[in-house]
PDB file of all heavy atoms in Angstrom:
ATOM      1  N   MET A   1      10.501 -11.243  -4.533  1.00  0.00           N
ATOM      2  CA  MET A   1      10.196 -11.799  -5.850  1.00  0.00           C
ATOM      3  C   MET A   1       8.696 -11.968  -6.046  1.00  0.00           C
ATOM      4  O   MET A   1       8.163 -11.703  -7.128  1.00  0.00           O
ATOM      5  CB  MET A   1      10.907 -13.149  -6.025  1.00  0.00           C
ATOM      6  CG  MET A   1      12.407 -13.039  -6.173  1.00  0.00           C
ATOM      7  SD  MET A   1      13.225 -14.658  -6.205  1.00  0.00           S
ATOM      8  CE  MET A   1      12.461 -15.398  -7.625  1.00  0.00           C
ATOM      9  N   SER A   2       7.986 -12.379  -5.006  1.00  0.00           N
ATOM     10  CA  SER A   2       6.537 -12.575  -5.122  1.00  0.00           C
ATOM     11  C   SER A   2       5.822 -11.259  -5.413  1.00  0.00           C
ATOM     12  O   SER A   2       4.781 -11.244  -6.084  1.00  0.00           O
ATOM     13  CB  SER A   2       5.980 -13.211  -3.847  1.00  0.00           C
ATOM     14  OG  SER A   2       5.940 -12.283  -2.768  1.00  0.00           O
ATOM     15  N   ILE A   3       6.379 -10.151  -4.921  1.00  0.00           N
ATOM     16  CA  ILE A   3       5.804  -8.832  -5.210  1.00  0.00           C
ATOM     17  C   ILE A   3       6.131  -8.417  -6.638  1.00  0.00           C
ATOM     18  O   ILE A   3       5.276  -7.959  -7.395  1.00  0.00           O
ATOM     19  CB  ILE A   3       6.335  -7.787  -4.211  1.00  0.00           C
ATOM     20  CG1 ILE A   3       5.904  -8.125  -2.794  1.00  0.00           C
ATOM     21  CG2 ILE A   3       5.857  -6.380  -4.590  1.00  0.00           C
ATOM     22  CD1 ILE A   3       6.544  -7.252  -1.733  1.00  0.00           C
ATOM     23  N   LEU A   4       7.396  -8.594  -7.023  1.00  0.00           N
ATOM     24  CA  LEU A   4       7.824  -8.188  -8.362  1.00  0.00           C
ATOM     25  C   LEU A   4       7.081  -8.956  -9.456  1.00  0.00           C
ATOM     26  O   LEU A   4       6.857  -8.436 -10.544  1.00  0.00           O
ATOM     27  CB  LEU A   4       9.332  -8.402  -8.497  1.00  0.00           C
ATOM     28  CG  LEU A   4      10.220  -7.469  -7.668  1.00  0.00           C
ATOM     29  CD1 LEU A   4      11.664  -7.957  -7.678  1.00  0.00           C
ATOM     30  CD2 LEU A   4      10.141  -6.042  -8.173  1.00  0.00           C
ATOM     31  N   GLU A   5       6.695 -10.181  -9.170  1.00  0.00           N
ATOM     32  CA  GLU A   5       5.973 -10.980 -10.155  1.00  0.00           C
ATOM     33  C   GLU A   5       4.590 -10.419 -10.467  1.00  0.00           C
ATOM     34  O   GLU A   5       4.009 -10.737 -11.506  1.00  0.00           O
ATOM     35  CB  GLU A   5       5.857 -12.421  -9.669  1.00  0.00           C
ATOM     36  CG  GLU A   5       7.180 -13.193  -9.729  1.00  0.00           C
ATOM     37  CD  GLU A   5       7.106 -14.525  -9.007  1.00  0.00           C
ATOM     38  OE1 GLU A   5       6.064 -14.779  -8.340  1.00  0.00           O
ATOM     39  OE2 GLU A   5       8.075 -15.304  -9.097  1.00  0.00           O
ATOM     40  N   LYS A   6       4.083  -9.570  -9.583  1.00  0.00           N
ATOM     41  CA  LYS A   6       2.725  -9.031  -9.744  1.00  0.00           C
ATOM     42  C   LYS A   6       2.700  -7.665 -10.421  1.00  0.00           C
ATOM     43  O   LYS A   6       1.635  -7.155 -10.753  1.00  0.00           O
ATOM     44  CB  LYS A   6       2.048  -8.917  -8.374  1.00  0.00           C
ATOM     45  CG  LYS A   6       1.902 -10.233  -7.642  1.00  0.00           C
ATOM     46  CD  LYS A   6       1.377 -10.018  -6.232  1.00  0.00           C
ATOM     47  CE  LYS A   6       1.320 -11.312  -5.457  1.00  0.00           C
ATOM     48  NZ  LYS A   6       0.893 -11.088  -4.043  1.00  0.00           N
ATOM     49  N   ILE A   7       3.872  -7.074 -10.621  1.00  0.00           N
ATOM     50  CA  ILE A   7       3.933  -5.721 -11.193  1.00  0.00           C
ATOM     51  C   ILE A   7       4.928  -5.723 -12.348  1.00  0.00           C
ATOM     52  O   ILE A   7       5.590  -6.735 -12.628  1.00  0.00           O
ATOM     53  CB  ILE A   7       4.294  -4.663 -10.119  1.00  0.00           C
ATOM     54  CG1 ILE A   7       5.628  -5.010  -9.415  1.00  0.00           C
ATOM     55  CG2 ILE A   7       3.188  -4.596  -9.069  1.00  0.00           C
ATOM     56  CD1 ILE A   7       6.809  -4.340  -9.956  1.00  0.00           C
ATOM     57  N   SER A   8       5.070  -4.570 -13.008  1.00  0.00           N
ATOM     58  CA  SER A   8       6.003  -4.527 -14.139  1.00  0.00           C
ATOM     59  C   SER A   8       7.071  -3.453 -13.999  1.00  0.00           C
ATOM     60  O   SER A   8       8.185  -3.618 -14.491  1.00  0.00           O
ATOM     61  CB  SER A   8       5.247  -4.310 -15.449  1.00  0.00           C
ATOM     62  OG  SER A   8       4.550  -3.076 -15.427  1.00  0.00           O
ATOM     63  N   ASN A   9       6.759  -2.328 -13.343  1.00  0.00           N
ATOM     64  CA  ASN A   9       7.707  -1.211 -13.296  1.00  0.00           C
ATOM     65  C   ASN A   9       7.866  -0.688 -11.872  1.00  0.00           C
ATOM     66  O   ASN A   9       7.087  -1.047 -10.971  1.00  0.00           O
ATOM     67  CB  ASN A   9       7.262  -0.098 -14.250  1.00  0.00           C
ATOM     68  CG  ASN A   9       5.902   0.464 -13.887  1.00  0.00           C
ATOM     69  OD1 ASN A   9       5.704   0.987 -12.800  1.00  0.00           O
ATOM     70  ND2 ASN A   9       4.948   0.357 -14.812  1.00  0.00           N
ATOM     71  N   PRO A  10       8.873   0.165 -11.624  1.00  0.00           N
ATOM     72  CA  PRO A  10       9.126   0.637 -10.255  1.00  0.00           C
ATOM     73  C   PRO A  10       8.010   1.485  -9.672  1.00  0.00           C
ATOM     74  O   PRO A  10       7.832   1.523  -8.450  1.00  0.00           O
ATOM     75  CB  PRO A  10      10.431   1.437 -10.378  1.00  0.00           C
ATOM     76  CG  PRO A  10      10.576   1.741 -11.834  1.00  0.00           C
ATOM     77  CD  PRO A  10       9.932   0.610 -12.557  1.00  0.00           C
ATOM     78  N   TRP A  11       7.239   2.176 -10.526  1.00  0.00           N
ATOM     79  CA  TRP A  11       6.146   3.001 -10.008  1.00  0.00           C
ATOM     80  C   TRP A  11       5.022   2.129  -9.477  1.00  0.00           C
ATOM     81  O   TRP A  11       4.419   2.440  -8.457  1.00  0.00           O
ATOM     82  CB  TRP A  11       5.655   3.950 -11.096  1.00  0.00           C
ATOM     83  CG  TRP A  11       6.745   4.859 -11.547  1.00  0.00           C
ATOM     84  CD1 TRP A  11       7.201   5.983 -10.910  1.00  0.00           C
ATOM     85  CD2 TRP A  11       7.557   4.707 -12.707  1.00  0.00           C
ATOM     86  NE1 TRP A  11       8.246   6.541 -11.601  1.00  0.00           N
ATOM     87  CE2 TRP A  11       8.492   5.787 -12.720  1.00  0.00           C
ATOM     88  CE3 TRP A  11       7.591   3.770 -13.741  1.00  0.00           C
ATOM     89  CZ2 TRP A  11       9.440   5.949 -13.720  1.00  0.00           C
ATOM     90  CZ3 TRP A  11       8.532   3.925 -14.739  1.00  0.00           C
ATOM     91  CH2 TRP A  11       9.443   5.006 -14.728  1.00  0.00           C
ATOM     92  N   GLU A  12       4.768   1.018 -10.148  1.00  0.00           N
ATOM     93  CA  GLU A  12       3.775   0.077  -9.633  1.00  0.00           C
ATOM     94  C   GLU A  12       4.265  -0.548  -8.332  1.00  0.00           C
ATOM     95  O   GLU A  12       3.473  -0.782  -7.408  1.00  0.00           O
ATOM     96  CB  GLU A  12       3.500  -1.025 -10.664  1.00  0.00           C
ATOM     97  CG  GLU A  12       2.738  -0.556 -11.889  1.00  0.00           C
ATOM     98  CD  GLU A  12       2.505  -1.661 -12.896  1.00  0.00           C
ATOM     99  OE1 GLU A  12       3.056  -2.773 -12.711  1.00  0.00           O
ATOM    100  OE2 GLU A  12       1.790  -1.423 -13.868  1.00  0.00           O
ATOM    101  N   PHE A  13       5.560  -0.801  -8.251  1.00  0.00           N
ATOM    102  CA  PHE A  13       6.138  -1.378  -7.028  1.00  0.00           C
ATOM    103  C   PHE A  13       5.887  -0.457  -5.839  1.00  0.00           C
ATOM    104  O   PHE A  13       5.427  -0.892  -4.780  1.00  0.00           O
ATOM    105  CB  PHE A  13       7.637  -1.597  -7.240  1.00  0.00           C
ATOM    106  CG  PHE A  13       8.346  -2.224  -6.074  1.00  0.00           C
ATOM    107  CD1 PHE A  13       8.238  -3.585  -5.845  1.00  0.00           C
ATOM    108  CD2 PHE A  13       9.137  -1.460  -5.231  1.00  0.00           C
ATOM    109  CE1 PHE A  13       8.897  -4.178  -4.768  1.00  0.00           C
ATOM    110  CE2 PHE A  13       9.796  -2.036  -4.162  1.00  0.00           C
ATOM    111  CZ  PHE A  13       9.678  -3.399  -3.929  1.00  0.00           C
ATOM    112  N   GLU A  14       6.182   0.819  -6.004  1.00  0.00           N
ATOM    113  CA  GLU A  14       5.992   1.760  -4.894  1.00  0.00           C
ATOM    114  C   GLU A  14       4.527   2.141  -4.701  1.00  0.00           C
ATOM    115  O   GLU A  14       4.172   2.714  -3.675  1.00  0.00           O
ATOM    116  CB  GLU A  14       6.841   3.006  -5.130  1.00  0.00           C
ATOM    117  CG  GLU A  14       8.334   2.725  -5.081  1.00  0.00           C
ATOM    118  CD  GLU A  14       9.162   3.968  -4.862  1.00  0.00           C
ATOM    119  OE1 GLU A  14       8.772   5.033  -5.392  1.00  0.00           O
ATOM    120  OE2 GLU A  14      10.195   3.868  -4.167  1.00  0.00           O
ATOM    121  N   GLY A  15       3.684   1.819  -5.686  1.00  0.00           N
ATOM    122  CA  GLY A  15       2.274   2.155  -5.574  1.00  0.00           C
ATOM    123  C   GLY A  15       1.441   1.093  -4.891  1.00  0.00           C
ATOM    124  O   GLY A  15       0.229   1.263  -4.716  1.00  0.00           O
ATOM    125  N   ILE A  16       2.076  -0.031  -4.490  1.00  0.00           N
ATOM    126  CA  ILE A  16       1.339  -1.086  -3.806  1.00  0.00           C
ATOM    127  C   ILE A  16       0.759  -0.538  -2.515  1.00  0.00           C
ATOM    128  O   ILE A  16       1.473   0.014  -1.667  1.00  0.00           O
ATOM    129  CB  ILE A  16       2.256  -2.295  -3.521  1.00  0.00           C
ATOM    130  CG1 ILE A  16       2.725  -2.924  -4.827  1.00  0.00           C
ATOM    131  CG2 ILE A  16       1.535  -3.322  -2.650  1.00  0.00           C
ATOM    132  CD1 ILE A  16       3.758  -4.011  -4.633  1.00  0.00           C
ATOM    133  N   ALA A  17      -0.539  -0.678  -2.348  1.00  0.00           N
ATOM    134  CA  ALA A  17      -1.220  -0.057  -1.205  1.00  0.00           C
ATOM    135  C   ALA A  17      -0.878  -0.752   0.107  1.00  0.00           C
ATOM    136  O   ALA A  17      -0.520  -0.100   1.091  1.00  0.00           O
ATOM    137  CB  ALA A  17      -2.729  -0.072  -1.434  1.00  0.00           C
ATOM    138  N   VAL A  18      -0.985  -2.060   0.135  1.00  0.00           N
ATOM    139  CA  VAL A  18      -0.776  -2.800   1.376  1.00  0.00           C
ATOM    140  C   VAL A  18       0.020  -4.061   1.088  1.00  0.00           C
ATOM    141  O   VAL A  18      -0.292  -4.803   0.148  1.00  0.00           O
ATOM    142  CB  VAL A  18      -2.122  -3.189   2.037  1.00  0.00           C
ATOM    143  CG1 VAL A  18      -1.868  -3.993   3.309  1.00  0.00           C
ATOM    144  CG2 VAL A  18      -2.936  -1.944   2.359  1.00  0.00           C
ATOM    145  N   LEU A  19       1.050  -4.304   1.887  1.00  0.00           N
ATOM    146  CA  LEU A  19       1.791  -5.560   1.801  1.00  0.00           C
ATOM    147  C   LEU A  19       1.172  -6.556   2.764  1.00  0.00           C
ATOM    148  O   LEU A  19       0.698  -6.186   3.842  1.00  0.00           O
ATOM    149  CB  LEU A  19       3.266  -5.332   2.158  1.00  0.00           C
ATOM    150  CG  LEU A  19       4.061  -4.412   1.240  1.00  0.00           C
ATOM    151  CD1 LEU A  19       5.503  -4.308   1.727  1.00  0.00           C
ATOM    152  CD2 LEU A  19       4.027  -4.902  -0.199  1.00  0.00           C
ATOM    153  N   ASP A  20       1.203  -7.830   2.387  1.00  0.00           N
ATOM    154  CA  ASP A  20       0.608  -8.837   3.266  1.00  0.00           C
ATOM    155  C   ASP A  20       1.578  -9.339   4.329  1.00  0.00           C
ATOM    156  O   ASP A  20       1.213 -10.170   5.165  1.00  0.00           O
ATOM    157  CB  ASP A  20       0.041 -10.004   2.457  1.00  0.00           C
ATOM    158  CG  ASP A  20       1.062 -10.633   1.529  1.00  0.00           C
ATOM    159  OD1 ASP A  20       2.237 -10.226   1.585  1.00  0.00           O
ATOM    160  OD2 ASP A  20       0.683 -11.513   0.742  1.00  0.00           O
ATOM    161  N   LYS A  21       2.806  -8.834   4.307  1.00  0.00           N
ATOM    162  CA  LYS A  21       3.749  -9.090   5.395  1.00  0.00           C
ATOM    163  C   LYS A  21       4.117  -7.761   6.051  1.00  0.00           C
ATOM    164  O   LYS A  21       3.952  -6.697   5.455  1.00  0.00           O
ATOM    165  CB  LYS A  21       4.999  -9.802   4.882  1.00  0.00           C
ATOM    166  CG  LYS A  21       4.774 -11.273   4.578  1.00  0.00           C
ATOM    167  CD  LYS A  21       6.095 -12.032   4.504  1.00  0.00           C
ATOM    168  CE  LYS A  21       5.871 -13.518   4.370  1.00  0.00           C
ATOM    169  NZ  LYS A  21       7.134 -14.291   4.515  1.00  0.00           N
ATOM    170  N   ASP A  22       4.635  -7.842   7.268  1.00  0.00           N
ATOM    171  CA  ASP A  22       4.971  -6.631   8.009  1.00  0.00           C
ATOM    172  C   ASP A  22       6.241  -5.988   7.480  1.00  0.00           C
ATOM    173  O   ASP A  22       7.134  -6.656   6.947  1.00  0.00           O
ATOM    174  CB  ASP A  22       5.150  -6.948   9.498  1.00  0.00           C
ATOM    175  CG  ASP A  22       3.830  -7.273  10.186  1.00  0.00           C
ATOM    176  OD1 ASP A  22       2.792  -6.725   9.758  1.00  0.00           O
ATOM    177  OD2 ASP A  22       3.844  -8.062  11.144  1.00  0.00           O
ATOM    178  N   VAL A  23       6.307  -4.676   7.649  1.00  0.00           N
ATOM    179  CA  VAL A  23       7.503  -3.891   7.339  1.00  0.00           C
ATOM    180  C   VAL A  23       7.959  -3.224   8.626  1.00  0.00           C
ATOM    181  O   VAL A  23       7.172  -2.556   9.304  1.00  0.00           O
ATOM    182  CB  VAL A  23       7.216  -2.818   6.272  1.00  0.00           C
ATOM    183  CG1 VAL A  23       8.466  -1.978   6.010  1.00  0.00           C
ATOM    184  CG2 VAL A  23       6.729  -3.458   4.981  1.00  0.00           C
ATOM    185  N   ILE A  24       9.212  -3.430   8.968  1.00  0.00           N
ATOM    186  CA  ILE A  24       9.747  -2.830  10.184  1.00  0.00           C
ATOM    187  C   ILE A  24      10.812  -1.796   9.824  1.00  0.00           C
ATOM    188  O   ILE A  24      11.219  -1.669   8.671  1.00  0.00           O
ATOM    189  CB  ILE A  24      10.338  -3.893  11.142  1.00  0.00           C
ATOM    190  CG1 ILE A  24      11.512  -4.633  10.469  1.00  0.00           C
ATOM    191  CG2 ILE A  24       9.247  -4.872  11.572  1.00  0.00           C
ATOM    192  CD1 ILE A  24      12.239  -5.595  11.408  1.00  0.00           C
ATOM    193  N   GLY A  25      11.263  -1.079  10.828  1.00  0.00           N
ATOM    194  CA  GLY A  25      12.314  -0.081  10.638  1.00  0.00           C
ATOM    195  C   GLY A  25      12.768   0.427  11.985  1.00  0.00           C
ATOM    196  O   GLY A  25      12.304  -0.035  13.033  1.00  0.00           O
ATOM    197  N   SER A  26      13.672   1.383  11.961  1.00  0.00           N
ATOM    198  CA  SER A  26      14.200   1.952  13.191  1.00  0.00           C
ATOM    199  C   SER A  26      14.180   3.470  13.118  1.00  0.00           C
ATOM    200  O   SER A  26      14.566   4.050  12.102  1.00  0.00           O
ATOM    201  CB  SER A  26      15.639   1.478  13.441  1.00  0.00           C
ATOM    202  OG  SER A  26      16.201   2.157  14.551  1.00  0.00           O
ATOM    203  N   LEU A  27      13.728   4.095  14.190  1.00  0.00           N
ATOM    204  CA  LEU A  27      13.767   5.557  14.260  1.00  0.00           C
ATOM    205  C   LEU A  27      15.197   6.060  14.306  1.00  0.00           C
ATOM    206  O   LEU A  27      15.455   7.246  14.068  1.00  0.00           O
ATOM    207  CB  LEU A  27      12.993   6.036  15.489  1.00  0.00           C
ATOM    208  CG  LEU A  27      11.499   5.688  15.532  1.00  0.00           C
ATOM    209  CD1 LEU A  27      10.859   6.229  16.809  1.00  0.00           C
ATOM    210  CD2 LEU A  27      10.777   6.237  14.313  1.00  0.00           C
ATOM    211  N   SER A  28      16.139   5.165  14.608  1.00  0.00           N
ATOM    212  CA  SER A  28      17.551   5.555  14.624  1.00  0.00           C
ATOM    213  C   SER A  28      18.116   5.725  13.218  1.00  0.00           C
ATOM    214  O   SER A  28      19.202   6.285  13.058  1.00  0.00           O
ATOM    215  CB  SER A  28      18.382   4.500  15.376  1.00  0.00           C
ATOM    216  OG  SER A  28      17.944   4.377  16.713  1.00  0.00           O
ATOM    217  N   VAL A  29      17.401   5.234  12.217  1.00  0.00           N
ATOM    218  CA  VAL A  29      17.790   5.321  10.794  1.00  0.00           C
ATOM    219  C   VAL A  29      19.213   4.775  10.601  1.00  0.00           C
ATOM    220  O   VAL A  29      20.188   5.528  10.606  1.00  0.00           O
ATOM    221  CB  VAL A  29      17.684   6.764  10.264  1.00  0.00           C
ATOM    222  CG1 VAL A  29      17.882   6.778   8.751  1.00  0.00           C
ATOM    223  CG2 VAL A  29      16.352   7.390  10.620  1.00  0.00           C
ATOM    224  N   PRO A  30      19.350   3.460  10.424  1.00  0.00           N
ATOM    225  CA  PRO A  30      20.688   2.860  10.349  1.00  0.00           C
ATOM    226  C   PRO A  30      21.524   3.247   9.143  1.00  0.00           C
ATOM    227  O   PRO A  30      22.746   3.154   9.179  1.00  0.00           O
ATOM    228  CB  PRO A  30      20.383   1.358  10.329  1.00  0.00           C
ATOM    229  CG  PRO A  30      18.976   1.258   9.863  1.00  0.00           C
ATOM    230  CD  PRO A  30      18.283   2.470  10.386  1.00  0.00           C
ATOM    231  N   LEU A  31      20.868   3.698   8.044  1.00  0.00           N
ATOM    232  CA  LEU A  31      21.626   4.046   6.844  1.00  0.00           C
ATOM    233  C   LEU A  31      21.065   5.339   6.261  1.00  0.00           C
ATOM    234  O   LEU A  31      19.887   5.410   5.915  1.00  0.00           O
ATOM    235  CB  LEU A  31      21.536   2.926   5.803  1.00  0.00           C
ATOM    236  CG  LEU A  31      22.446   3.063   4.586  1.00  0.00           C
ATOM    237  CD1 LEU A  31      23.917   3.052   5.003  1.00  0.00           C
ATOM    238  CD2 LEU A  31      22.165   1.951   3.584  1.00  0.00           C
ATOM    239  N   LYS A  32      21.915   6.337   6.149  1.00  0.00           N
ATOM    240  CA  LYS A  32      21.467   7.630   5.632  1.00  0.00           C
ATOM    241  C   LYS A  32      22.002   7.826   4.214  1.00  0.00           C
ATOM    242  O   LYS A  32      23.144   7.497   3.908  1.00  0.00           O
ATOM    243  CB  LYS A  32      21.935   8.762   6.554  1.00  0.00           C
ATOM    244  CG  LYS A  32      21.283   8.676   7.934  1.00  0.00           C
ATOM    245  CD  LYS A  32      21.650   9.861   8.814  1.00  0.00           C
ATOM    246  CE  LYS A  32      20.947   9.750  10.155  1.00  0.00           C
ATOM    247  NZ  LYS A  32      21.252  10.888  11.051  1.00  0.00           N
ATOM    248  N   TYR A  33      21.144   8.384   3.375  1.00  0.00           N
ATOM    249  CA  TYR A  33      21.498   8.550   1.967  1.00  0.00           C
ATOM    250  C   TYR A  33      20.687   9.689   1.370  1.00  0.00           C
ATOM    251  O   TYR A  33      19.714  10.173   1.954  1.00  0.00           O
ATOM    252  CB  TYR A  33      21.231   7.258   1.193  1.00  0.00           C
ATOM    253  CG  TYR A  33      19.915   6.605   1.499  1.00  0.00           C
ATOM    254  CD1 TYR A  33      18.738   7.019   0.887  1.00  0.00           C
ATOM    255  CD2 TYR A  33      19.837   5.554   2.419  1.00  0.00           C
ATOM    256  CE1 TYR A  33      17.525   6.430   1.166  1.00  0.00           C
ATOM    257  CE2 TYR A  33      18.622   4.959   2.712  1.00  0.00           C
ATOM    258  CZ  TYR A  33      17.473   5.393   2.084  1.00  0.00           C
ATOM    259  OH  TYR A  33      16.280   4.804   2.378  1.00  0.00           O
ATOM    260  N   ARG A  34      21.121  10.104   0.188  1.00  0.00           N
ATOM    261  CA  ARG A  34      20.439  11.161  -0.568  1.00  0.00           C
ATOM    262  C   ARG A  34      20.039  10.608  -1.925  1.00  0.00           C
ATOM    263  O   ARG A  34      20.723   9.763  -2.483  1.00  0.00           O
ATOM    264  CB  ARG A  34      21.362  12.362  -0.791  1.00  0.00           C
ATOM    265  CG  ARG A  34      21.849  13.036   0.442  1.00  0.00           C
ATOM    266  CD  ARG A  34      22.619  14.302   0.067  1.00  0.00           C
ATOM    267  NE  ARG A  34      23.949  14.001  -0.427  1.00  0.00           N
ATOM    268  CZ  ARG A  34      25.018  13.898   0.350  1.00  0.00           C
ATOM    269  NH1 ARG A  34      24.892  14.032   1.647  1.00  0.00           N
ATOM    270  NH2 ARG A  34      26.202  13.668  -0.166  1.00  0.00           N
ATOM    271  N   SER A  35      18.962  11.128  -2.452  1.00  0.00           N
ATOM    272  CA  SER A  35      18.537  10.721  -3.786  1.00  0.00           C
ATOM    273  C   SER A  35      19.162  11.639  -4.819  1.00  0.00           C
ATOM    274  O   SER A  35      19.214  12.854  -4.654  1.00  0.00           O
ATOM    275  CB  SER A  35      17.013  10.789  -3.902  1.00  0.00           C
ATOM    276  OG  SER A  35      16.613  10.537  -5.227  1.00  0.00           O
ATOM    277  N   GLU A  36      19.673  11.034  -5.898  1.00  0.00           N
ATOM    278  CA  GLU A  36      20.181  11.787  -7.031  1.00  0.00           C
ATOM    279  C   GLU A  36      19.288  11.478  -8.223  1.00  0.00           C
ATOM    280  O   GLU A  36      19.121  10.313  -8.586  1.00  0.00           O
ATOM    281  CB  GLU A  36      21.632  11.405  -7.349  1.00  0.00           C
ATOM    282  CG  GLU A  36      22.594  11.697  -6.206  1.00  0.00           C
ATOM    283  CD  GLU A  36      22.745  13.175  -5.925  1.00  0.00           C
ATOM    284  OE1 GLU A  36      22.242  14.001  -6.708  1.00  0.00           O
ATOM    285  OE2 GLU A  36      23.368  13.509  -4.913  1.00  0.00           O
ATOM    286  N   GLU A  37      18.712  12.497  -8.830  1.00  0.00           N
ATOM    287  CA  GLU A  37      17.667  12.278  -9.823  1.00  0.00           C
ATOM    288  C   GLU A  37      18.150  12.427 -11.270  1.00  0.00           C
ATOM    289  O   GLU A  37      17.386  12.717 -12.170  1.00  0.00           O
ATOM    290  CB  GLU A  37      16.502  13.230  -9.562  1.00  0.00           C
ATOM    291  CG  GLU A  37      15.859  12.986  -8.204  1.00  0.00           C
ATOM    292  CD  GLU A  37      14.709  13.935  -7.945  1.00  0.00           C
ATOM    293  OE1 GLU A  37      14.568  14.923  -8.683  1.00  0.00           O
ATOM    294  OE2 GLU A  37      13.963  13.678  -6.992  1.00  0.00           O
ATOM    295  N   HIS A  38      19.451  12.197 -11.482  1.00  0.00           N
ATOM    296  CA  HIS A  38      19.990  12.206 -12.852  1.00  0.00           C
ATOM    297  C   HIS A  38      19.713  13.523 -13.581  1.00  0.00           C
ATOM    298  O   HIS A  38      19.338  13.551 -14.742  1.00  0.00           O
ATOM    299  CB  HIS A  38      19.423  11.038 -13.657  1.00  0.00           C
ATOM    300  CG  HIS A  38      19.492   9.746 -12.935  1.00  0.00           C
ATOM    301  ND1 HIS A  38      20.661   9.236 -12.442  1.00  0.00           N
ATOM    302  CD2 HIS A  38      18.528   8.865 -12.588  1.00  0.00           C
ATOM    303  CE1 HIS A  38      20.426   8.087 -11.847  1.00  0.00           C
ATOM    304  NE2 HIS A  38      19.145   7.851 -11.912  1.00  0.00           N
ATOM    305  N   THR A  39      19.872  14.636 -12.859  1.00  0.00           N
ATOM    306  CA  THR A  39      19.695  15.940 -13.490  1.00  0.00           C
ATOM    307  C   THR A  39      20.918  16.265 -14.334  1.00  0.00           C
ATOM    308  O   THR A  39      21.961  15.608 -14.255  1.00  0.00           O
ATOM    309  CB  THR A  39      19.541  17.035 -12.420  1.00  0.00           C
ATOM    310  OG1 THR A  39      20.726  17.069 -11.628  1.00  0.00           O
ATOM    311  CG2 THR A  39      18.349  16.756 -11.525  1.00  0.00           C
ATOM    312  N   SER A  40      20.836  17.314 -15.139  1.00  0.00           N
ATOM    313  CA  SER A  40      21.971  17.698 -15.976  1.00  0.00           C
ATOM    314  C   SER A  40      23.165  18.085 -15.113  1.00  0.00           C
ATOM    315  O   SER A  40      24.308  17.885 -15.486  1.00  0.00           O
ATOM    316  CB  SER A  40      21.570  18.857 -16.883  1.00  0.00           C
ATOM    317  OG  SER A  40      21.136  19.971 -16.120  1.00  0.00           O
ATOM    318  N   GLU A  41      22.886  18.632 -13.918  1.00  0.00           N
ATOM    319  CA  GLU A  41      23.988  18.992 -13.024  1.00  0.00           C
ATOM    320  C   GLU A  41      24.757  17.755 -12.607  1.00  0.00           C
ATOM    321  O   GLU A  41      25.987  17.744 -12.555  1.00  0.00           O
ATOM    322  CB  GLU A  41      23.433  19.699 -11.778  1.00  0.00           C
ATOM    323  CG  GLU A  41      24.522  20.110 -10.786  1.00  0.00           C
ATOM    324  CD  GLU A  41      23.938  20.676  -9.499  1.00  0.00           C
ATOM    325  OE1 GLU A  41      22.787  20.359  -9.188  1.00  0.00           O
ATOM    326  OE2 GLU A  41      24.657  21.430  -8.827  1.00  0.00           O
ATOM    327  N   LEU A  42      24.035  16.671 -12.326  1.00  0.00           N
ATOM    328  CA  LEU A  42      24.676  15.444 -11.885  1.00  0.00           C
ATOM    329  C   LEU A  42      25.573  14.849 -12.964  1.00  0.00           C
ATOM    330  O   LEU A  42      26.563  14.210 -12.660  1.00  0.00           O
ATOM    331  CB  LEU A  42      23.598  14.416 -11.491  1.00  0.00           C
ATOM    332  CG  LEU A  42      24.089  13.018 -11.087  1.00  0.00           C
ATOM    333  CD1 LEU A  42      24.961  13.114  -9.851  1.00  0.00           C
ATOM    334  CD2 LEU A  42      22.924  12.084 -10.866  1.00  0.00           C
ATOM    335  N   GLN A  43      25.239  15.070 -14.201  1.00  0.00           N
ATOM    336  CA  GLN A  43      25.988  14.447 -15.276  1.00  0.00           C
ATOM    337  C   GLN A  43      27.388  15.046 -15.438  1.00  0.00           C
ATOM    338  O   GLN A  43      28.244  14.432 -16.053  1.00  0.00           O
ATOM    339  CB  GLN A  43      25.236  14.596 -16.612  1.00  0.00           C
ATOM    340  CG  GLN A  43      23.760  14.273 -16.564  1.00  0.00           C
ATOM    341  CD  GLN A  43      23.459  12.944 -15.903  1.00  0.00           C
ATOM    342  OE1 GLN A  43      24.294  12.049 -15.956  1.00  0.00           O
ATOM    343  NE2 GLN A  43      22.311  12.819 -15.288  1.00  0.00           N
ATOM    344  N   SER A  44      27.627  16.245 -14.935  1.00  0.00           N
ATOM    345  CA  SER A  44      28.900  16.900 -15.184  1.00  0.00           C
ATOM    346  C   SER A  44      30.018  16.296 -14.345  1.00  0.00           C
ATOM    347  O   SER A  44      29.846  15.963 -13.185  1.00  0.00           O
ATOM    348  CB  SER A  44      28.794  18.402 -14.874  1.00  0.00           C
ATOM    349  OG  SER A  44      28.711  18.625 -13.499  1.00  0.00           O
ATOM    350  N   ARG A  45      31.179  16.142 -14.960  1.00  0.00           N
ATOM    351  CA  ARG A  45      32.339  15.604 -14.248  1.00  0.00           C
ATOM    352  C   ARG A  45      32.729  16.511 -13.088  1.00  0.00           C
ATOM    353  O   ARG A  45      33.113  16.045 -12.019  1.00  0.00           O
ATOM    354  CB  ARG A  45      33.511  15.453 -15.223  1.00  0.00           C
ATOM    355  CG  ARG A  45      34.748  14.816 -14.608  1.00  0.00           C
ATOM    356  CD  ARG A  45      35.827  14.660 -15.656  1.00  0.00           C
ATOM    357  NE  ARG A  45      35.415  13.798 -16.730  1.00  0.00           N
ATOM    358  CZ  ARG A  45      35.521  12.470 -16.699  1.00  0.00           C
ATOM    359  NH1 ARG A  45      36.023  11.878 -15.641  1.00  0.00           N
ATOM    360  NH2 ARG A  45      35.132  11.752 -17.729  1.00  0.00           N
TER     361      ARG A  45
END
């Protein structure tokens, strides 16, 4: 919430250069997913 209060849109959110808290992760990648970009192909039943 403290980050969201400083920006307005998702591009600004991802454009933040440095966070003042640490970000961790795992090389094992606990959750795998694909991005769907709302193309015309995606819209078809």
